[in-house]
N, C-alpha and C. Protein backbone atom coordinates (compact mmCIF):
# COMPACT_ATOMS: atom_id res chain seq x y z
N MET A 1 145.00 164.16 194.28
CA MET A 1 145.31 163.48 193.04
C MET A 1 146.27 162.33 193.32
N SER A 2 145.91 161.15 192.89
CA SER A 2 146.78 160.00 193.13
C SER A 2 147.50 159.59 191.84
N ILE A 3 148.65 158.99 192.02
CA ILE A 3 149.50 158.56 190.91
C ILE A 3 149.50 157.04 190.85
N ASN A 4 149.36 156.48 189.66
CA ASN A 4 149.44 155.04 189.48
C ASN A 4 150.86 154.66 189.09
N CYS A 5 151.38 153.61 189.73
CA CYS A 5 152.75 153.18 189.49
C CYS A 5 152.77 151.68 189.26
N LEU A 6 153.36 151.25 188.15
CA LEU A 6 153.53 149.83 187.84
C LEU A 6 155.00 149.48 188.01
N ILE A 7 155.27 148.47 188.84
CA ILE A 7 156.64 148.04 189.09
C ILE A 7 156.82 146.65 188.51
N LEU A 8 157.81 146.50 187.66
CA LEU A 8 158.15 145.22 187.05
C LEU A 8 159.43 144.70 187.69
N GLY A 9 159.48 143.43 188.01
CA GLY A 9 160.68 142.85 188.58
C GLY A 9 160.89 143.21 190.03
N GLU A 10 159.87 143.02 190.84
CA GLU A 10 159.94 143.40 192.25
C GLU A 10 160.75 142.43 193.10
N ASN A 11 161.13 141.29 192.57
CA ASN A 11 161.88 140.30 193.35
C ASN A 11 163.36 140.62 193.46
N GLY A 12 163.85 141.50 192.62
CA GLY A 12 165.26 141.86 192.65
C GLY A 12 165.57 142.88 193.73
N PHE A 13 166.82 143.22 193.83
CA PHE A 13 167.27 144.16 194.85
C PHE A 13 166.65 145.54 194.65
N ILE A 14 166.74 146.06 193.44
CA ILE A 14 166.22 147.40 193.17
C ILE A 14 164.70 147.42 193.24
N GLY A 15 164.06 146.43 192.64
CA GLY A 15 162.60 146.39 192.62
C GLY A 15 161.99 146.29 194.01
N SER A 16 162.57 145.47 194.88
CA SER A 16 162.02 145.31 196.22
C SER A 16 162.16 146.60 197.03
N HIS A 17 163.27 147.30 196.87
CA HIS A 17 163.44 148.57 197.56
C HIS A 17 162.53 149.66 196.98
N LEU A 18 162.30 149.59 195.68
CA LEU A 18 161.40 150.54 195.04
C LEU A 18 159.97 150.36 195.55
N VAL A 19 159.54 149.12 195.71
CA VAL A 19 158.20 148.85 196.25
C VAL A 19 158.08 149.42 197.65
N LYS A 20 159.06 149.17 198.49
CA LYS A 20 159.03 149.69 199.87
C LYS A 20 158.94 151.21 199.88
N MET A 21 159.68 151.85 198.99
CA MET A 21 159.68 153.31 198.95
C MET A 21 158.34 153.86 198.45
N MET A 22 157.81 153.25 197.40
CA MET A 22 156.58 153.76 196.79
C MET A 22 155.35 153.62 197.69
N VAL A 23 155.26 152.53 198.44
CA VAL A 23 154.07 152.33 199.26
C VAL A 23 154.04 153.25 200.48
N GLU A 24 155.16 153.87 200.80
CA GLU A 24 155.18 154.80 201.93
C GLU A 24 154.47 156.10 201.60
N PHE A 25 154.38 156.45 200.31
CA PHE A 25 153.68 157.66 199.92
C PHE A 25 152.18 157.40 199.87
N LYS A 26 151.41 158.30 200.41
CA LYS A 26 149.96 158.12 200.51
C LYS A 26 149.25 158.27 199.17
N ASN A 27 149.80 159.04 198.25
CA ASN A 27 149.09 159.34 197.02
C ASN A 27 149.56 158.51 195.83
N ILE A 28 150.23 157.39 196.06
CA ILE A 28 150.70 156.53 194.97
C ILE A 28 150.03 155.16 195.08
N ASN A 29 149.34 154.75 194.00
CA ASN A 29 148.75 153.42 193.91
C ASN A 29 149.77 152.51 193.25
N VAL A 30 150.19 151.46 193.95
CA VAL A 30 151.25 150.59 193.47
C VAL A 30 150.66 149.31 192.90
N ARG A 31 151.09 148.99 191.68
CA ARG A 31 150.76 147.71 191.04
C ARG A 31 152.06 147.01 190.73
N ILE A 32 152.05 145.69 190.90
CA ILE A 32 153.25 144.89 190.66
C ILE A 32 152.92 143.81 189.65
N PHE A 33 153.82 143.61 188.69
CA PHE A 33 153.73 142.52 187.74
C PHE A 33 155.00 141.71 187.86
N GLY A 34 154.86 140.45 188.31
CA GLY A 34 156.03 139.63 188.53
C GLY A 34 155.81 138.18 188.15
N ARG A 35 156.90 137.44 188.08
CA ARG A 35 156.84 136.03 187.71
C ARG A 35 156.44 135.12 188.85
N GLN A 36 156.69 135.55 190.07
CA GLN A 36 156.40 134.72 191.24
C GLN A 36 155.36 135.40 192.10
N ASN A 37 154.61 134.61 192.80
CA ASN A 37 153.64 135.15 193.74
C ASN A 37 154.34 135.37 195.07
N VAL A 38 154.72 136.60 195.34
CA VAL A 38 155.46 136.94 196.55
C VAL A 38 154.51 137.57 197.54
N THR A 39 154.59 137.14 198.78
CA THR A 39 153.77 137.72 199.83
C THR A 39 154.60 138.76 200.56
N PHE A 40 154.13 139.99 200.56
CA PHE A 40 154.80 141.05 201.29
C PHE A 40 154.25 141.09 202.69
N ASN A 41 155.13 141.20 203.65
CA ASN A 41 154.73 141.21 205.06
C ASN A 41 154.50 142.63 205.54
N GLY A 42 153.61 142.77 206.51
CA GLY A 42 153.41 144.06 207.16
C GLY A 42 152.15 144.76 206.69
N GLU A 43 151.74 145.72 207.49
CA GLU A 43 150.54 146.51 207.24
C GLU A 43 150.68 147.37 205.98
N ILE A 44 151.87 147.83 205.71
CA ILE A 44 152.08 148.80 204.64
C ILE A 44 151.83 148.20 203.25
N TYR A 45 151.88 146.88 203.12
CA TYR A 45 151.76 146.24 201.81
C TYR A 45 150.36 145.72 201.52
N ARG A 46 149.39 146.07 202.31
CA ARG A 46 148.06 145.54 202.11
C ARG A 46 147.38 146.01 200.83
N ASN A 47 147.66 147.19 200.37
CA ASN A 47 146.93 147.77 199.24
C ASN A 47 147.65 147.63 197.91
N ILE A 48 148.59 146.71 197.80
CA ILE A 48 149.30 146.50 196.55
C ILE A 48 148.49 145.57 195.65
N ASP A 49 148.35 145.96 194.38
CA ASP A 49 147.70 145.12 193.38
C ASP A 49 148.78 144.27 192.71
N TYR A 50 148.80 142.98 193.01
CA TYR A 50 149.87 142.10 192.54
C TYR A 50 149.33 141.16 191.46
N ARG A 51 150.00 141.14 190.30
CA ARG A 51 149.63 140.26 189.19
C ARG A 51 150.79 139.35 188.86
N VAL A 52 150.50 138.08 188.67
CA VAL A 52 151.53 137.10 188.32
C VAL A 52 151.49 136.85 186.83
N GLY A 53 152.65 136.90 186.20
CA GLY A 53 152.74 136.67 184.76
C GLY A 53 154.19 136.76 184.31
N ASP A 54 154.39 136.56 183.03
CA ASP A 54 155.73 136.60 182.46
C ASP A 54 155.64 137.20 181.06
N PHE A 55 156.47 138.18 180.78
CA PHE A 55 156.47 138.79 179.46
C PHE A 55 156.92 137.83 178.37
N SER A 56 157.70 136.82 178.71
CA SER A 56 158.17 135.88 177.71
C SER A 56 157.09 134.90 177.23
N ASP A 57 155.92 134.92 177.88
CA ASP A 57 154.80 134.06 177.47
C ASP A 57 154.09 134.59 176.23
N THR A 58 154.38 135.82 175.84
CA THR A 58 153.67 136.41 174.70
C THR A 58 154.26 136.00 173.37
């Protein structure tokens, strides 16, 4: 059974560390919603679903 996780604000200190922690677990699908298109380096970040947007646009 896999868990879906949406992370908002991944560019900050807490968000970036949260992304690193979540992708280490095999059964967690990580999705990111952020204002900037950030490229994560390394093999571990290949399966992240990254969406660019801003909540203030609504």
